[in-house]
Amino acid sequence: MNTIRFNRGNVKLVAHRGLSGIETENTCAAFIAAGNRDYFGIETDARITADGKFILMHDDTTARVSGVELKVEACNFAALRSIALKEKNGQPRGDLRIASLEEYLRLCARYEKVCVLELKGLYSCEKLTEMAAMIREIYAMEQIVFISFSYETLVNLRSVEPEAKIQFLTGKEVNDELIASLKAYNFDLDINHKQLTKENIALLHENGIEVNCYTVDDPARAEDLASWGIDYITTNILQ
């Protein structure tokens, strides 16, 4: 398997959950596959376990990627790490495990990729301070873009890290209310690509807002977005 090429111009490409079109999402294998290609950034999803550790899982349970159903935030870190995940073809693979935040940061540092770190759920200022300390120990805050659907989490993050690069995640339409909410805390935008047009990308740029979008796997759609001047495209397979 390989990636699908398209004419991307100056767009920064972000590998969604690692190179998840080829390797199992949010695993070290997916992060390494992205690291070995010319992606600008590698995206992942961070959750907090029952014992307060950071672990990388999109869903709130492990069922889809492992066949074993455990609720991530109700289990401790060791129990979650003990589960073998499935290959892309659905076959179990004994060495494939849920990745830790530390592993992700070290791989992004090794391959010199920007971390696009989605915070799943509500994060307190205390947990964000703990995360920031880990980031600085392993990599650099300047190499992180934080994203979340939780506006409250991002507001907390802005208070803890005033200079952090932050994108608010949404699937809703671009309107004056959204733009005002972004400008209130100096947030950029990560939006479902179906909500974007050439005109509203220009409007967002006029308001000083950078635009990322998820999740684009159709090269024709990606080329349209690139021609409209989008800043980032998050993708499972395009390159």
Protein backbone atom coordinates (compact mmCIF):
# COMPACT_ATOMS: atom_id res chain seq x y z
CA MET A 1 0.00 0.00 0.00
CA ASN A 2 1.05 3.58 -0.49
CA THR A 3 -0.28 7.10 -0.26
CA ILE A 4 -2.28 8.90 -2.96
CA ARG A 5 -0.54 11.91 -4.46
CA PHE A 6 -2.23 15.17 -5.35
CA ASN A 7 -1.23 18.68 -6.38
CA ARG A 8 -1.15 20.29 -2.96
CA GLY A 9 0.67 23.54 -3.62
CA ASN A 10 1.71 25.17 -0.33
CA VAL A 11 -0.79 23.32 1.88
CA LYS A 12 0.57 21.76 5.07
CA LEU A 13 -0.53 18.12 5.22
CA VAL A 14 -1.36 16.46 8.53
CA ALA A 15 -1.40 12.66 8.82
CA HIS A 16 -4.68 11.80 10.57
CA ARG A 17 -4.04 9.54 13.60
CA GLY A 18 -0.68 8.84 11.99
CA LEU A 19 -0.71 7.45 8.48
CA SER A 20 -3.94 5.63 9.28
CA GLY A 21 -4.74 4.79 5.67
CA ILE A 22 -1.88 2.29 5.82
CA GLU A 23 -1.26 1.42 9.48
CA THR A 24 -3.61 0.99 12.45
CA GLU A 25 -4.55 4.43 13.73
CA ASN A 26 -2.85 6.06 16.73
CA THR A 27 -0.11 3.43 16.95
CA CYS A 28 3.63 3.85 16.79
CA ALA A 29 3.52 2.04 13.42
CA ALA A 30 1.20 4.73 12.03
CA PHE A 31 3.35 7.53 13.45
CA ILE A 32 6.54 6.04 11.98
CA ALA A 33 4.87 5.58 8.57
CA ALA A 34 3.96 9.29 8.61
CA GLY A 35 7.39 10.25 9.94
CA ASN A 36 9.08 8.58 6.99
CA ARG A 37 7.09 10.73 4.55
CA ASP A 38 6.94 14.46 3.95
CA TYR A 39 3.95 15.31 6.14
CA PHE A 40 4.06 18.62 7.98
CA GLY A 41 2.37 17.19 11.04
CA ILE A 42 1.07 14.03 12.69
CA GLU A 43 -2.32 14.15 14.41
CA THR A 44 -3.41 11.99 17.34
CA ASP A 45 -6.09 11.80 20.06
CA ALA A 46 -5.21 12.00 23.75
CA ARG A 47 -7.44 10.70 26.55
CA ILE A 48 -6.90 10.47 30.30
CA THR A 49 -6.99 7.01 31.88
CA ALA A 50 -8.54 6.16 35.24
CA ASP A 51 -5.11 6.44 36.88
CA GLY A 52 -4.44 9.85 35.34
CA LYS A 53 -2.12 8.86 32.48
CA PHE A 54 -2.30 10.10 28.89
CA ILE A 55 -3.07 7.46 26.26
CA LEU A 56 -3.82 7.79 22.54
CA MET A 57 -7.24 6.56 21.47
CA HIS A 58 -9.89 8.19 19.32
CA ASP A 59 -12.93 6.25 20.51
CA ASP A 60 -14.09 6.14 24.10
CA THR A 61 -13.73 2.34 24.06
CA THR A 62 -11.13 -0.01 22.61
CA ALA A 63 -13.66 -2.22 20.76
CA ARG A 64 -13.19 -1.00 17.17
CA VAL A 65 -9.40 -1.26 17.08
CA SER A 66 -8.94 -4.37 19.22
CA GLY A 67 -12.15 -6.40 19.41
CA VAL A 68 -11.93 -6.10 23.21
CA GLU A 69 -14.29 -3.54 24.69
CA LEU A 70 -12.82 -1.49 27.52
CA LYS A 71 -13.88 2.05 28.33
CA VAL A 72 -10.68 4.07 28.11
CA GLU A 73 -11.36 6.55 30.90
CA ALA A 74 -12.55 3.79 33.27
CA CYS A 75 -9.39 1.65 32.90
CA ASN A 76 -5.87 2.15 34.10
CA PHE A 77 -2.97 2.67 31.74
CA ALA A 78 -1.43 -0.80 32.19
CA ALA A 79 -4.70 -2.60 31.40
CA LEU A 80 -5.17 -0.63 28.21
CA ARG A 81 -1.57 -1.20 27.11
CA SER A 82 -1.98 -4.95 27.60
CA ILE A 83 -4.49 -5.21 24.73
CA ALA A 84 -3.24 -6.32 21.32
CA LEU A 85 -4.69 -4.24 18.48
CA LYS A 86 -5.79 -5.36 15.02
CA GLU A 87 -4.04 -4.83 11.71
CA LYS A 88 -5.83 -2.85 8.98
CA ASN A 89 -7.12 -6.16 7.57
CA GLY A 90 -8.75 -6.99 10.91
CA GLN A 91 -6.24 -9.64 11.95
CA PRO A 92 -4.86 -9.41 15.51
CA ARG A 93 -1.21 -8.42 15.81
CA GLY A 94 0.50 -9.21 19.09
CA ASP A 95 3.08 -6.41 18.98
CA LEU A 96 0.61 -3.64 18.08
CA ARG A 97 -0.43 -1.70 21.18
CA ILE A 98 -2.15 1.56 22.11
CA ALA A 99 0.48 4.29 22.06
CA SER A 100 1.35 6.57 24.94
CA LEU A 101 1.68 10.33 24.68
CA GLU A 102 5.37 9.99 25.50
CA GLU A 103 5.96 7.59 22.59
CA TYR A 104 4.14 9.91 20.20
CA LEU A 105 6.14 12.96 21.30
CA ARG A 106 9.43 11.10 20.98
CA LEU A 107 8.59 9.89 17.47
CA CYS A 108 7.47 13.35 16.33
CA ALA A 109 10.72 14.76 17.73
CA ARG A 110 12.77 12.04 16.02
CA TYR A 111 11.18 12.70 12.62
CA GLU A 112 10.91 16.48 13.19
CA LYS A 113 7.15 16.61 12.68
CA VAL A 114 4.68 19.04 14.19
CA CYS A 115 2.40 17.38 16.74
CA VAL A 116 -1.30 18.02 16.10
CA LEU A 117 -2.67 16.90 19.44
CA GLU A 118 -6.41 16.47 19.89
CA LEU A 119 -7.58 16.71 23.49
CA LYS A 120 -10.58 14.40 23.89
CA GLY A 121 -13.07 15.57 26.51
CA LEU A 122 -12.65 18.15 29.24
CA TYR A 123 -9.13 18.83 30.52
CA SER A 124 -8.54 20.72 33.74
CA CYS A 125 -5.84 23.35 34.05
CA GLU A 126 -3.96 20.92 36.31
CA LYS A 127 -3.86 18.15 33.66
CA LEU A 128 -2.93 20.64 30.96
CA THR A 129 -0.03 21.89 33.09
CA GLU A 130 1.11 18.28 33.54
CA MET A 131 0.88 17.66 29.79
CA ALA A 132 2.79 20.85 29.00
CA ALA A 133 5.62 19.78 31.32
CA MET A 134 5.88 16.43 29.49
CA ILE A 135 5.91 18.18 26.12
CA ARG A 136 8.75 20.48 27.16
CA GLU A 137 10.76 17.60 28.60
CA ILE A 138 10.52 15.52 25.42
CA TYR A 139 10.08 17.97 22.52
CA ALA A 140 9.06 21.66 22.44
CA MET A 141 5.84 23.61 22.92
CA GLU A 142 6.54 25.45 19.66
CA GLN A 143 6.15 22.14 17.81
CA ILE A 144 2.62 21.48 19.08
CA VAL A 145 -0.77 22.44 17.64
CA PHE A 146 -3.55 21.68 20.11
CA ILE A 147 -7.03 20.89 18.79
CA SER A 148 -10.28 20.00 20.55
CA PHE A 149 -14.05 19.98 20.17
CA SER A 150 -14.19 21.15 23.79
CA TYR A 151 -14.12 24.94 23.75
CA GLU A 152 -13.80 24.93 27.56
CA THR A 153 -10.69 22.76 27.37
CA LEU A 154 -9.11 25.18 24.91
CA VAL A 155 -9.98 28.17 27.10
CA ASN A 156 -8.29 26.38 30.02
CA LEU A 157 -5.28 25.71 27.80
CA ARG A 158 -5.04 29.35 26.78
CA SER A 159 -4.87 30.33 30.45
CA VAL A 160 -2.13 27.77 31.12
CA GLU A 161 -0.16 28.33 27.88
CA PRO A 162 -0.85 31.86 26.58
CA GLU A 163 1.38 31.39 23.51
CA ALA A 164 0.18 27.91 22.51
CA LYS A 165 -1.01 27.33 18.95
CA ILE A 166 -4.66 26.26 19.25
CA GLN A 167 -7.31 25.21 16.72
CA PHE A 168 -10.97 24.80 17.69
CA LEU A 169 -12.52 21.69 16.16
CA THR A 170 -16.04 21.89 14.78
CA GLY A 171 -18.35 20.44 12.20
CA LYS A 172 -20.63 23.47 12.22
CA GLU A 173 -20.94 26.18 9.60
CA VAL A 174 -18.72 29.21 9.36
CA ASN A 175 -20.62 32.26 10.59
CA ASP A 176 -20.09 35.48 12.56
CA GLU A 177 -20.67 33.73 15.89
CA LEU A 178 -17.97 31.15 15.19
CA ILE A 179 -15.51 33.79 14.04
CA ALA A 180 -16.14 35.87 17.18
CA SER A 181 -15.61 32.85 19.43
CA LEU A 182 -12.29 32.12 17.72
CA LYS A 183 -11.05 35.70 17.94
CA ALA A 184 -11.99 35.95 21.63
CA TYR A 185 -9.12 33.60 22.57
CA ASN A 186 -6.90 33.80 19.50
CA PHE A 187 -7.91 30.34 18.26
CA ASP A 188 -7.49 29.10 14.71
CA LEU A 189 -9.96 26.65 13.15
CA ASP A 190 -10.03 22.94 12.34
CA ILE A 191 -13.32 22.25 10.58
CA ASN A 192 -15.12 19.52 8.64
CA HIS A 193 -14.08 20.16 5.04
CA LYS A 194 -17.70 19.94 3.88
CA GLN A 195 -18.36 23.31 5.55
CA LEU A 196 -15.69 25.11 3.54
CA THR A 197 -15.96 27.23 0.42
CA LYS A 198 -13.54 29.52 -1.34
CA GLU A 199 -15.46 32.48 0.08
CA ASN A 200 -15.51 31.46 3.73
CA ILE A 201 -11.83 30.46 3.71
CA ALA A 202 -11.11 33.99 2.47
CA LEU A 203 -13.37 35.43 5.20
CA LEU A 204 -11.54 33.47 7.90
CA HIS A 205 -8.19 34.65 6.57
CA GLU A 206 -9.44 38.24 6.56
CA ASN A 207 -10.08 37.79 10.28
CA GLY A 208 -6.57 36.49 10.92
CA ILE A 209 -7.68 32.85 11.36
CA GLU A 210 -5.70 29.94 9.93
CA VAL A 211 -7.80 27.08 8.56
CA ASN A 212 -7.26 23.35 8.95
CA CYS A 213 -9.85 20.80 7.80
CA TYR A 214 -10.66 17.15 8.37
CA THR A 215 -10.70 14.50 6.97
CA VAL A 216 -9.97 14.73 3.23
CA ASP A 217 -9.13 11.55 1.31
CA ASP A 218 -10.44 12.53 -2.14
CA PRO A 219 -7.61 14.10 -4.19
CA ALA A 220 -10.00 16.20 -6.30
CA ARG A 221 -11.56 17.74 -3.17
CA ALA A 222 -8.11 18.31 -1.70
CA GLU A 223 -6.96 20.10 -4.85
CA ASP A 224 -10.01 22.37 -4.70
CA LEU A 225 -9.26 23.26 -1.07
CA ALA A 226 -5.61 23.88 -1.91
CA SER A 227 -6.58 26.18 -4.79
CA TRP A 228 -8.79 28.14 -2.36
CA GLY A 229 -5.82 28.83 -0.12
CA ILE A 230 -6.50 26.53 2.84
CA ASP A 231 -3.60 26.36 5.28
CA TYR A 232 -3.75 22.70 6.39
CA ILE A 233 -5.43 19.50 5.22
CA THR A 234 -5.80 16.54 7.56
CA THR A 235 -5.89 13.23 5.71
CA ASN A 236 -5.72 9.47 6.17
CA ILE A 237 -3.97 8.69 2.89
CA LEU A 238 -3.23 11.72 0.69
CA GLN A 239 0.30 13.00 0.25
